[in-house]
Amino acid sequence: MSFFPKNKTGFEDVLNQMQDFGKNDSNWRDGKTWSLVYHAGNEHSDFIKKAYSMYFTENALNPMAFKSLKRFEHEVVRMSAEIFHGAGHAVGTMSSGGTESILLAVKTYRDMANAKKGLIRLPKAISPKPEMIVPESVHVAFTKAAHYFGVKLVVAPLDKQYRVKVKAVKKLINRNTILIVGSAPNYPFGTVDPIEELGQLAERKNIPLHVDACLGGFLLPFIEKNGGDIPLFDFRVKGVSSISADIHKYGFAAKGASVILYRDMSYLKHQFFAEENWPGGMFVSPALLGTRPGGAIAAAWASLTAQGEDGLKEKAALVMKITKQIQEGIKLIKQLEINGEPEAGIFSYRSVDEQINIYAVADILEEKGWHTDRQQKPECLHVMITPAHENVVENYLQDLKEAISIIKQSPEKNKTGNAAMYGMMANIPFRGMIKKELLKVMEEMYSVSGETPTLDNQGQNDLKTIIAQKFLDLRAKFKIF
């Protein structure tokens, strides 16, 4: 059977099919999703779509052919540098998202270390791999970057407030260290690492410090401008050499827009790629991608220009208002506790009652239509506030209270369904087996058949649930763990 259509299909029919395919997707339009989508309202979204469409076909691969895109990128970088207090010296590029920005930073510092002879002196007794020191809570994109670019990932532990321990970082530094990383804030807990202390350490040791502000880069500065107490994390800290920040998160741009900024050109130049001997001509690229979609660059410029400082301050104030309401509601539920002291609209909460499995709470919330991200270390639920949640605060807190009440009345829910699977996944000792199963699932999803594994789970299937089911099957078959 051929999968490629033999005949033409009308545009309207295709669009109707596409709309039908999305029926079971997460309900972000009604504020039921706590991650993945950053919605600033229908009017803003319609505007961004128009801005994207204006440059839908243009390609930023060649800035000489599309000077408009180069202008957009240049001005987005300058705007970003200004809010991070790097105006007049900070330089950078746009990227397709946080992962690319992080990959670029790691690649840059690896190449920079290689270019500076004598920076890393490697006796035969130790590994030749360059090393970067990251917090335990750092985004997984750094793990991916380490894998891609042959850099050893050295993980530093967190304190009780879920911030990296600077003393631990100091002890981990050696002659192979090419980079120190801090988050502002980290994804799992929404806490900002002690960037000032890390900056002092980095400056003293002459090691670059990258601040991953992909999540909060376009939120924290405007919370601060509104009078919020935000610890310094940007170029005001002398040791900070680079910052990554996603515009498609709290800058409310179209997906595919991030910036990677460096303190000056002495760093950025190591990000560039050039090849002079290709038969196709001389080639130079500022980032990882060759073809760079013009729509995402144009829409990022449009979003920042249209909102301005006042608009982003208003949205930051709204995000923090909603955050305060939800956090205060959670604090009134004695079975729950917020992890650490998060500074922005990102946080997680866990159960402090042995009779309440937080994953069982997530199961019930999903039955009520909420898309809830489950986390581990510790077992908790993740919340990321956007303006789209303004009208769902009371409903969410009421459903959360009801979930606790249901579990108290029916404690067997703690050991059934996804609660049992996720609990097992978080505590199973054989982590290598989990990694193998994850890779097997990806093989199935991208095989010739291309069938996505599914579960009967109210349309809320995800990789973790699928893997957990596989391990339940293995446990039953072999009577292990």
Protein backbone atom coordinates (compact mmCIF):
# COMPACT_ATOMS: atom_id res chain seq x y z
CA MET A 1 0.00 0.00 0.00
CA SER A 2 1.33 3.41 -0.98
CA PHE A 3 1.18 6.03 1.73
CA PHE A 4 1.80 8.97 -0.59
CA PRO A 5 -1.51 10.35 -1.98
CA LYS A 6 -2.12 9.55 -5.64
CA ASN A 7 -4.61 12.34 -6.17
CA LYS A 8 -4.94 15.97 -5.24
CA THR A 9 -6.96 16.96 -2.19
CA GLY A 10 -8.70 20.28 -1.81
CA PHE A 11 -7.17 22.79 0.56
CA GLU A 12 -10.31 22.97 2.72
CA ASP A 13 -10.47 19.19 3.00
CA VAL A 14 -6.84 19.03 4.12
CA LEU A 15 -7.37 21.77 6.69
CA ASN A 16 -10.47 20.01 8.00
CA GLN A 17 -8.47 16.81 8.39
CA MET A 18 -5.76 18.67 10.28
CA GLN A 19 -8.30 20.22 12.62
CA ASP A 20 -9.81 16.80 13.24
CA PHE A 21 -6.38 15.34 14.08
CA GLY A 22 -6.01 17.88 16.90
CA LYS A 23 -9.22 16.97 18.72
CA ASN A 24 -7.41 15.05 21.45
CA ASP A 25 -4.53 17.51 21.90
CA SER A 26 -4.04 19.28 25.22
CA ASN A 27 -6.64 21.98 25.85
CA TRP A 28 -4.36 25.00 26.14
CA ARG A 29 -6.98 27.44 24.81
CA ASP A 30 -9.02 27.09 27.99
CA GLY A 31 -6.00 27.38 30.29
CA LYS A 32 -5.96 23.65 31.03
CA THR A 33 -2.28 23.18 30.14
CA TRP A 34 0.51 24.10 32.54
CA SER A 35 3.42 23.93 30.08
CA LEU A 36 4.33 23.86 26.37
CA VAL A 37 2.15 26.81 25.27
CA TYR A 38 2.62 30.50 26.15
CA HIS A 39 -0.59 32.25 25.19
CA ALA A 40 -0.93 36.01 25.59
CA GLY A 41 -4.46 36.23 24.22
CA ASN A 42 -6.18 35.74 20.88
CA GLU A 43 -5.52 39.29 19.65
CA HIS A 44 -1.78 38.93 20.22
CA SER A 45 -1.73 35.47 18.63
CA ASP A 46 -3.55 36.71 15.53
CA PHE A 47 -1.04 39.55 15.22
CA ILE A 48 1.93 37.19 15.55
CA LYS A 49 0.47 34.88 12.91
CA LYS A 50 0.24 37.80 10.48
CA ALA A 51 3.81 38.89 11.23
CA TYR A 52 5.04 35.32 10.73
CA SER A 53 3.12 34.95 7.46
CA MET A 54 4.62 38.13 6.01
CA TYR A 55 8.05 36.42 6.07
CA PHE A 56 6.81 32.84 5.76
CA THR A 57 8.92 32.07 2.67
CA GLU A 58 12.05 34.12 3.41
CA ASN A 59 15.22 32.35 4.51
CA ALA A 60 17.76 33.88 6.89
CA LEU A 61 20.49 31.56 5.56
CA ASN A 62 21.72 34.45 3.43
CA PRO A 63 21.51 37.82 5.23
CA MET A 64 22.57 39.61 2.06
CA ALA A 65 19.55 38.30 0.15
CA PHE A 66 17.07 39.15 2.93
CA LYS A 67 18.40 42.25 4.63
CA SER A 68 15.08 42.67 6.43
CA LEU A 69 15.64 39.43 8.36
CA LYS A 70 19.15 40.48 9.30
CA ARG A 71 17.73 43.75 10.61
CA PHE A 72 15.07 41.91 12.63
CA GLU A 73 17.66 39.56 14.13
CA HIS A 74 20.09 42.37 14.88
CA GLU A 75 17.42 44.45 16.61
CA VAL A 76 16.08 41.48 18.59
CA VAL A 77 19.62 40.84 19.84
CA ARG A 78 20.05 44.52 20.76
CA MET A 79 16.71 44.59 22.60
CA SER A 80 17.65 41.44 24.47
CA ALA A 81 21.09 42.78 25.33
CA GLU A 82 19.47 45.90 26.75
CA ILE A 83 17.14 44.06 29.13
CA PHE A 84 20.10 41.95 30.31
CA HIS A 85 22.21 45.08 30.92
CA GLY A 86 24.62 44.30 28.11
CA ALA A 87 23.87 47.24 25.82
CA GLY A 88 26.96 48.51 24.03
CA HIS A 89 29.00 45.35 24.39
CA ALA A 90 26.85 42.17 24.30
CA VAL A 91 26.51 40.42 20.95
CA GLY A 92 24.74 37.30 19.78
CA THR A 93 22.39 35.57 17.38
CA MET A 94 18.89 34.21 17.29
CA SER A 95 18.28 30.46 17.31
CA SER A 96 15.38 28.07 16.81
CA GLY A 97 14.80 27.60 20.55
CA GLY A 98 16.36 27.02 23.92
CA THR A 99 17.94 23.73 22.98
CA GLU A 100 19.79 25.24 20.02
CA SER A 101 20.91 28.20 22.15
CA ILE A 102 22.28 25.80 24.76
CA LEU A 103 23.94 23.59 22.14
CA LEU A 104 25.58 26.68 20.66
CA ALA A 105 26.90 27.83 24.04
CA VAL A 106 28.48 24.45 24.81
CA LYS A 107 29.94 24.16 21.31
CA THR A 108 31.31 27.71 21.57
CA TYR A 109 33.10 27.13 24.87
CA ARG A 110 34.47 23.79 23.74
CA ASP A 111 35.96 25.41 20.63
CA MET A 112 37.14 28.40 22.59
CA ALA A 113 39.02 26.12 25.00
CA ASN A 114 40.58 24.28 22.08
CA ALA A 115 41.67 27.56 20.51
CA LYS A 116 43.34 28.80 23.69
CA LYS A 117 46.40 26.60 23.89
CA GLY A 118 47.39 25.87 27.43
CA LEU A 119 43.90 26.49 28.85
CA ILE A 120 43.50 22.74 29.28
CA ARG A 121 46.65 20.76 29.99
CA LEU A 122 45.86 17.09 29.85
CA PRO A 123 48.18 14.56 31.48
CA LYS A 124 47.77 11.03 30.17
CA ALA A 125 46.36 9.95 33.53
CA ILE A 126 43.12 11.87 33.14
CA SER A 127 40.33 11.94 30.59
CA PRO A 128 40.97 14.14 27.54
CA LYS A 129 37.35 15.30 27.56
CA PRO A 130 36.66 18.94 28.40
CA GLU A 131 34.23 19.28 31.31
CA MET A 132 31.33 21.57 32.20
CA ILE A 133 29.87 21.87 35.69
CA VAL A 134 26.08 22.10 35.85
CA PRO A 135 23.47 22.07 38.64
CA GLU A 136 21.50 18.86 39.15
CA SER A 137 18.41 20.85 38.08
CA VAL A 138 19.92 22.11 34.81
CA HIS A 139 17.90 21.68 31.64
CA VAL A 140 18.36 18.33 29.91
CA ALA A 141 19.54 20.16 26.77
CA PHE A 142 22.95 20.46 28.46
CA THR A 143 23.08 16.67 28.72
CA LYS A 144 22.27 16.50 25.03
CA ALA A 145 24.96 19.08 24.24
CA ALA A 146 27.52 17.13 26.26
CA HIS A 147 26.61 14.01 24.29
CA TYR A 148 26.76 15.76 20.92
CA PHE A 149 29.99 17.68 21.45
CA GLY A 150 32.08 15.28 23.51
CA VAL A 151 32.00 17.29 26.72
CA LYS A 152 31.88 15.58 30.10
CA LEU A 153 28.89 16.63 32.21
CA VAL A 154 29.85 17.16 35.86
CA VAL A 155 26.77 17.53 38.08
CA ALA A 156 26.73 19.66 41.24
CA PRO A 157 24.12 19.02 43.98
CA LEU A 158 21.36 21.39 45.11
CA ASP A 159 20.70 22.91 48.51
CA LYS A 160 17.41 22.63 50.41
CA GLN A 161 15.98 25.51 48.37
CA TYR A 162 16.77 23.69 45.12
CA ARG A 163 19.62 26.03 44.15
CA VAL A 164 23.06 24.80 43.20
CA LYS A 165 25.65 24.60 45.98
CA VAL A 166 28.45 26.99 45.03
CA LYS A 167 30.93 25.27 47.36
CA ALA A 168 30.25 21.98 45.56
CA VAL A 169 30.83 23.68 42.19
CA LYS A 170 34.15 25.03 43.47
CA LYS A 171 35.30 21.56 44.51
CA LEU A 172 34.43 20.13 41.09
CA ILE A 173 36.58 22.59 39.12
CA ASN A 174 39.75 21.15 37.62
CA ARG A 175 42.11 21.85 34.74
CA ASN A 176 39.61 20.33 32.27
CA THR A 177 36.75 22.64 33.24
CA ILE A 178 35.73 24.81 30.29
CA LEU A 179 32.35 26.05 31.53
CA ILE A 180 30.17 26.63 34.60
CA VAL A 181 26.38 26.81 34.20
CA GLY A 182 23.65 28.36 36.33
CA SER A 183 19.89 28.65 35.72
CA ALA A 184 17.61 31.68 35.97
CA PRO A 185 15.36 29.99 36.83
CA ASN A 186 15.65 26.21 36.51
CA TYR A 187 12.75 24.35 34.94
CA PRO A 188 11.88 21.78 37.65
CA PHE A 189 11.55 24.18 40.61
CA GLY A 190 11.56 27.72 39.21
CA THR A 191 14.40 28.81 41.50
CA VAL A 192 17.28 31.07 40.42
CA ASP A 193 20.75 29.73 41.13
CA PRO A 194 23.15 32.04 43.06
CA ILE A 195 24.53 33.62 39.90
CA GLU A 196 26.45 36.36 41.73
CA GLU A 197 28.40 33.80 43.74
CA LEU A 198 28.95 31.64 40.67
CA GLY A 199 30.10 34.74 38.79
CA GLN A 200 32.68 35.56 41.45
CA LEU A 201 33.93 31.99 41.32
CA ALA A 202 34.06 31.97 37.51
CA GLU A 203 35.91 35.29 37.40
CA ARG A 204 38.40 34.15 40.01
CA LYS A 205 39.07 30.89 38.17
CA ASN A 206 38.98 32.48 34.70
CA ILE A 207 36.24 30.08 33.54
CA PRO A 208 33.22 31.17 31.45
CA LEU A 209 29.83 31.22 33.17
CA HIS A 210 26.71 30.61 31.11
CA VAL A 211 23.32 31.58 32.51
CA ASP A 212 20.45 29.52 31.16
CA ALA A 213 17.58 32.00 31.21
CA CYS A 214 15.72 30.25 28.41
CA LEU A 215 12.69 29.97 30.65
CA GLY A 216 12.74 33.22 32.59
CA GLY A 217 14.77 35.54 30.38
CA PHE A 218 11.77 37.56 29.23
CA LEU A 219 9.96 37.36 32.58
CA LEU A 220 12.47 38.00 35.39
CA PRO A 221 13.66 41.42 34.11
CA PHE A 222 10.09 42.70 33.97
CA ILE A 223 9.21 41.31 37.40
CA GLU A 224 12.23 43.30 38.61
CA LYS A 225 11.06 46.42 36.76
CA ASN A 226 7.73 46.01 38.58
CA GLY A 227 9.57 46.13 41.90
CA GLY A 228 9.99 42.39 42.38
CA ASP A 229 12.92 41.02 44.34
CA ILE A 230 14.93 39.19 41.66
CA PRO A 231 18.56 38.20 42.35
CA LEU A 232 21.10 39.45 39.83
CA PHE A 233 21.61 36.97 37.02
CA ASP A 234 22.56 38.98 33.92
CA PHE A 235 25.56 40.92 32.60
CA ARG A 236 25.60 43.08 35.73
CA VAL A 237 27.37 40.08 37.25
CA LYS A 238 30.97 40.40 36.03
CA GLY A 239 31.62 36.68 35.71
CA VAL A 240 28.65 36.05 33.40
CA SER A 241 29.96 35.46 29.89
CA SER A 242 26.75 34.40 28.12
CA ILE A 243 22.95 34.15 28.48
CA SER A 244 20.36 32.11 26.61
CA ALA A 245 16.72 33.26 26.60
CA ASP A 246 13.66 32.07 24.71
CA ILE A 247 11.48 34.74 23.13
CA HIS A 248 8.77 32.19 22.33
CA LYS A 249 8.19 31.67 26.05
CA TYR A 250 7.51 34.82 28.08
CA GLY A 251 8.28 37.06 25.11
CA PHE A 252 5.15 35.49 23.58
CA ALA A 253 6.66 35.16 20.10
CA ALA A 254 5.91 32.36 17.64
CA LYS A 255 7.59 29.02 18.32
CA GLY A 256 11.15 28.78 17.07
CA ALA A 257 12.64 31.96 18.57
CA SER A 258 15.44 32.21 21.13
CA VAL A 259 18.57 34.31 21.61
CA ILE A 260 22.09 33.40 22.68
CA LEU A 261 24.06 36.42 23.89
CA TYR A 262 27.74 36.74 24.77
CA ARG A 263 29.45 39.49 26.73
CA ASP A 264 31.49 40.44 23.66
CA MET A 265 32.79 39.19 20.32
CA SER A 266 35.74 37.37 21.85
CA TYR A 267 33.23 34.65 22.79
CA LEU A 268 30.73 34.83 19.91
CA LYS A 269 33.38 34.37 17.21
CA HIS A 270 33.86 30.78 18.39
CA GLN A 271 30.20 30.05 17.60
CA PHE A 272 30.55 30.79 13.88
CA PHE A 273 31.20 28.12 11.27
CA ALA A 274 32.96 28.71 7.96
CA GLU A 275 34.01 26.47 5.07
CA GLU A 276 36.00 27.93 2.19
CA ASN A 277 36.56 24.84 0.01
CA TRP A 278 33.04 23.54 -0.66
CA PRO A 279 32.30 23.20 -4.40
CA GLY A 280 29.01 24.98 -3.78
CA GLY A 281 30.88 28.10 -2.80
CA MET A 282 32.23 29.66 0.36
CA PHE A 283 29.89 28.97 3.27
CA VAL A 284 29.50 30.68 6.63
CA SER A 285 26.84 30.12 9.26
CA PRO A 286 26.23 31.96 12.56
CA ALA A 287 24.30 29.16 14.30
CA LEU A 288 23.51 25.45 13.94
CA LEU A 289 20.85 25.62 11.25
CA GLY A 290 21.48 26.28 7.59
CA THR A 291 18.03 27.30 6.47
CA ARG A 292 16.64 29.62 9.12
CA PRO A 293 12.88 30.25 8.86
CA GLY A 294 12.26 33.94 8.34
CA GLY A 295 8.80 33.83 9.90
CA ALA A 296 10.07 33.00 13.39
CA ILE A 297 12.66 35.80 13.29
CA ALA A 298 10.16 38.35 12.00
CA ALA A 299 7.48 37.32 14.50
CA ALA A 300 9.95 37.62 17.40
CA TRP A 301 10.79 41.17 16.38
CA ALA A 302 7.10 41.97 15.95
CA SER A 303 6.18 40.53 19.36
CA LEU A 304 8.84 42.48 21.27
CA THR A 305 8.21 45.68 19.31
CA ALA A 306 4.44 45.56 19.72
CA GLN A 307 4.51 44.82 23.45
CA GLY A 308 7.43 47.01 24.43
CA GLU A 309 8.60 47.30 28.00
CA ASP A 310 5.17 48.40 29.22
CA GLY A 311 3.42 45.42 27.66
CA LEU A 312 5.84 42.88 29.09
CA LYS A 313 5.67 44.56 32.50
CA GLU A 314 1.88 44.23 32.40
CA LYS A 315 2.08 40.55 31.50
CA ALA A 316 4.73 39.90 34.16
CA ALA A 317 2.49 41.56 36.75
CA LEU A 318 -0.44 39.39 35.66
CA VAL A 319 1.67 36.23 35.74
CA MET A 320 2.83 36.99 39.28
CA LYS A 321 -0.70 37.85 40.41
CA ILE A 322 -1.96 34.47 39.17
CA THR A 323 1.09 32.74 40.65
CA LYS A 324 0.44 34.26 44.07
CA GLN A 325 -3.22 33.21 43.97
CA ILE A 326 -2.43 29.61 43.08
CA GLN A 327 0.48 29.31 45.50
CA GLU A 328 -1.62 30.73 48.36
CA GLY A 329 -4.34 28.23 47.50
CA ILE A 330 -1.88 25.34 47.54
CA LYS A 331 -0.44 26.48 50.88
CA LEU A 332 -3.94 26.17 52.38
CA ILE A 333 -3.99 22.47 51.48
CA LYS A 334 -2.12 20.89 54.38
CA GLN A 335 -1.23 17.76 52.40
CA LEU A 336 0.80 19.77 49.86
CA GLU A 337 3.97 21.87 49.92
CA ILE A 338 5.69 24.04 47.31
CA ASN A 339 9.28 23.09 46.53
CA GLY A 340 11.74 25.78 47.59
CA GLU A 341 11.09 29.51 47.16
CA PRO A 342 10.60 30.11 43.42
CA GLU A 343 11.05 33.68 42.17
CA ALA A 344 8.84 33.65 39.09
CA GLY A 345 5.71 32.03 37.68
CA ILE A 346 7.28 28.58 37.53
CA PHE A 347 7.13 26.18 40.46
CA SER A 348 6.35 22.65 41.58
CA TYR A 349 4.61 21.14 44.58
CA ARG A 350 4.71 17.78 46.30
CA SER A 351 2.74 15.75 48.83
CA VAL A 352 3.85 15.86 52.48
CA ASP A 353 1.20 13.34 53.49
CA GLU A 354 2.19 9.67 53.25
CA GLN A 355 -1.45 8.85 52.52
CA ILE A 356 -1.48 11.03 49.40
CA ASN A 357 0.43 9.97 46.28
CA ILE A 358 1.06 13.14 44.27
CA TYR A 359 0.90 11.11 41.07
CA ALA A 360 -2.61 9.96 42.04
CA VAL A 361 -3.49 13.64 42.38
CA ALA A 362 -2.23 14.15 38.82
CA ASP A 363 -4.39 11.26 37.60
CA ILE A 364 -7.53 12.84 38.98
CA LEU A 365 -6.60 16.28 37.64
CA GLU A 366 -6.19 14.75 34.19
CA GLU A 367 -9.61 13.14 34.46
CA LYS A 368 -10.90 16.67 35.01
CA GLY A 369 -9.15 17.87 31.85
CA TRP A 370 -5.92 19.37 33.25
CA HIS A 371 -2.65 18.55 31.45
CA THR A 372 -0.27 18.07 34.37
CA ASP A 373 3.47 17.40 34.14
CA ARG A 374 4.82 14.90 36.67
CA GLN A 375 8.39 15.23 37.95
CA GLN A 376 10.81 13.18 40.01
CA LYS A 377 13.54 13.89 42.58
CA PRO A 378 11.31 14.69 44.44
CA GLU A 379 8.04 13.31 43.14
CA CYS A 380 5.98 16.42 42.39
CA LEU A 381 3.73 18.24 39.92
CA HIS A 382 4.93 21.13 37.76
CA VAL A 383 3.14 24.44 37.15
CA MET A 384 4.07 27.16 34.68
CA ILE A 385 1.84 30.24 34.82
CA THR A 386 0.88 32.31 31.76
CA PRO A 387 -1.79 35.00 31.24
CA ALA A 388 -4.03 32.23 29.87
CA HIS A 389 -4.54 30.95 33.43
CA GLU A 390 -6.18 34.14 34.71
CA ASN A 391 -9.69 32.71 34.57
CA VAL A 392 -9.00 29.16 35.78
CA VAL A 393 -7.45 29.77 39.21
CA GLU A 394 -10.56 28.96 41.26
CA ASN A 395 -11.42 25.92 39.13
CA TYR A 396 -7.90 24.52 39.41
CA LEU A 397 -7.69 24.95 43.17
CA GLN A 398 -11.16 23.46 43.62
CA ASP A 399 -10.24 20.44 41.47
CA LEU A 400 -6.98 20.09 43.41
CA LYS A 401 -8.85 20.04 46.73
CA GLU A 402 -11.33 17.52 45.33
CA ALA A 403 -8.47 15.31 44.16
CA ILE A 404 -7.06 15.21 47.69
CA SER A 405 -10.50 14.43 49.10
CA ILE A 406 -11.12 11.62 46.60
CA ILE A 407 -7.80 9.95 47.44
CA LYS A 408 -8.48 10.20 51.17
CA GLN A 409 -11.81 8.48 50.63
CA SER A 410 -10.39 5.95 48.14
CA PRO A 411 -6.74 5.32 49.13
CA GLU A 412 -6.48 2.47 46.62
CA LYS A 413 -6.06 5.18 43.95
CA ASN A 414 -2.52 5.69 45.27
CA LYS A 415 -1.55 2.28 43.88
CA THR A 416 -3.51 2.08 40.64
CA GLY A 417 -3.38 3.59 37.17
CA ASN A 418 -0.67 6.05 36.27
CA ALA A 419 0.08 6.75 39.94
CA ALA A 420 1.52 3.26 40.31
CA MET A 421 3.43 3.48 37.03
CA TYR A 422 4.96 6.88 37.67
CA GLY A 423 5.88 5.97 41.23
CA MET A 424 7.69 2.90 39.98
CA MET A 425 9.46 4.90 37.26
CA ALA A 426 10.70 7.48 39.77
CA ASN A 427 12.12 4.88 42.16
CA ILE A 428 13.27 2.01 39.98
CA PRO A 429 17.01 1.48 40.55
CA PHE A 430 17.89 0.29 37.05
CA ARG A 431 18.10 3.67 35.29
CA GLY A 432 20.02 2.22 32.36
CA MET A 433 17.06 -0.06 31.58
CA ILE A 434 14.76 2.94 31.47
CA LYS A 435 17.06 4.69 29.00
CA LYS A 436 17.07 1.61 26.75
CA GLU A 437 13.28 1.43 26.83
CA LEU A 438 13.00 5.14 26.03
CA LEU A 439 15.18 4.62 22.97
CA LYS A 440 13.12 1.60 21.93
CA VAL A 441 9.95 3.68 22.04
CA MET A 442 11.60 6.27 19.81
CA GLU A 443 12.59 3.51 17.38
CA GLU A 444 8.96 2.39 17.23
CA MET A 445 7.70 5.94 16.70
CA TYR A 446 10.15 6.63 13.88
CA SER A 447 10.14 3.19 12.25
CA VAL A 448 8.75 2.50 8.77
CA SER A 449 5.28 1.88 10.22
CA GLY A 450 5.59 5.12 12.17
CA GLU A 451 2.97 4.06 14.68
CA THR A 452 2.97 6.00 17.94
CA PRO A 453 2.51 3.75 20.98
CA THR A 454 -0.71 4.65 22.77
CA LEU A 455 -2.50 3.93 26.02
CA ASP A 456 -6.09 4.32 27.10
CA ASN A 457 -5.42 7.42 29.16
CA GLN A 458 -8.02 10.06 28.29
CA GLY A 459 -5.89 11.33 25.44
CA GLN A 460 -3.04 12.29 27.79
CA ASN A 461 -0.50 9.74 26.55
CA ASP A 462 3.15 10.65 26.84
CA LEU A 463 6.48 8.86 26.69
CA LYS A 464 6.82 8.46 30.45
CA THR A 465 3.44 6.73 30.70
CA ILE A 466 4.25 4.42 27.81
CA ILE A 467 7.62 3.48 29.33
CA ALA A 468 6.05 2.95 32.74
CA GLN A 469 3.56 0.51 31.24
CA LYS A 470 6.40 -1.40 29.61
CA PHE A 471 8.11 -1.76 32.99
CA LEU A 472 4.93 -2.92 34.64
CA ASP A 473 4.73 -5.63 31.99
CA LEU A 474 8.38 -6.58 32.60
CA ARG A 475 7.87 -6.71 36.36
CA ALA A 476 4.87 -9.01 35.95
CA LYS A 477 6.68 -11.24 33.48
CA PHE A 478 9.98 -11.66 35.28
CA LYS A 479 8.88 -10.84 38.85
CA ILE A 480 11.64 -8.25 39.25
CA PHE A 481 11.91 -5.02 41.22
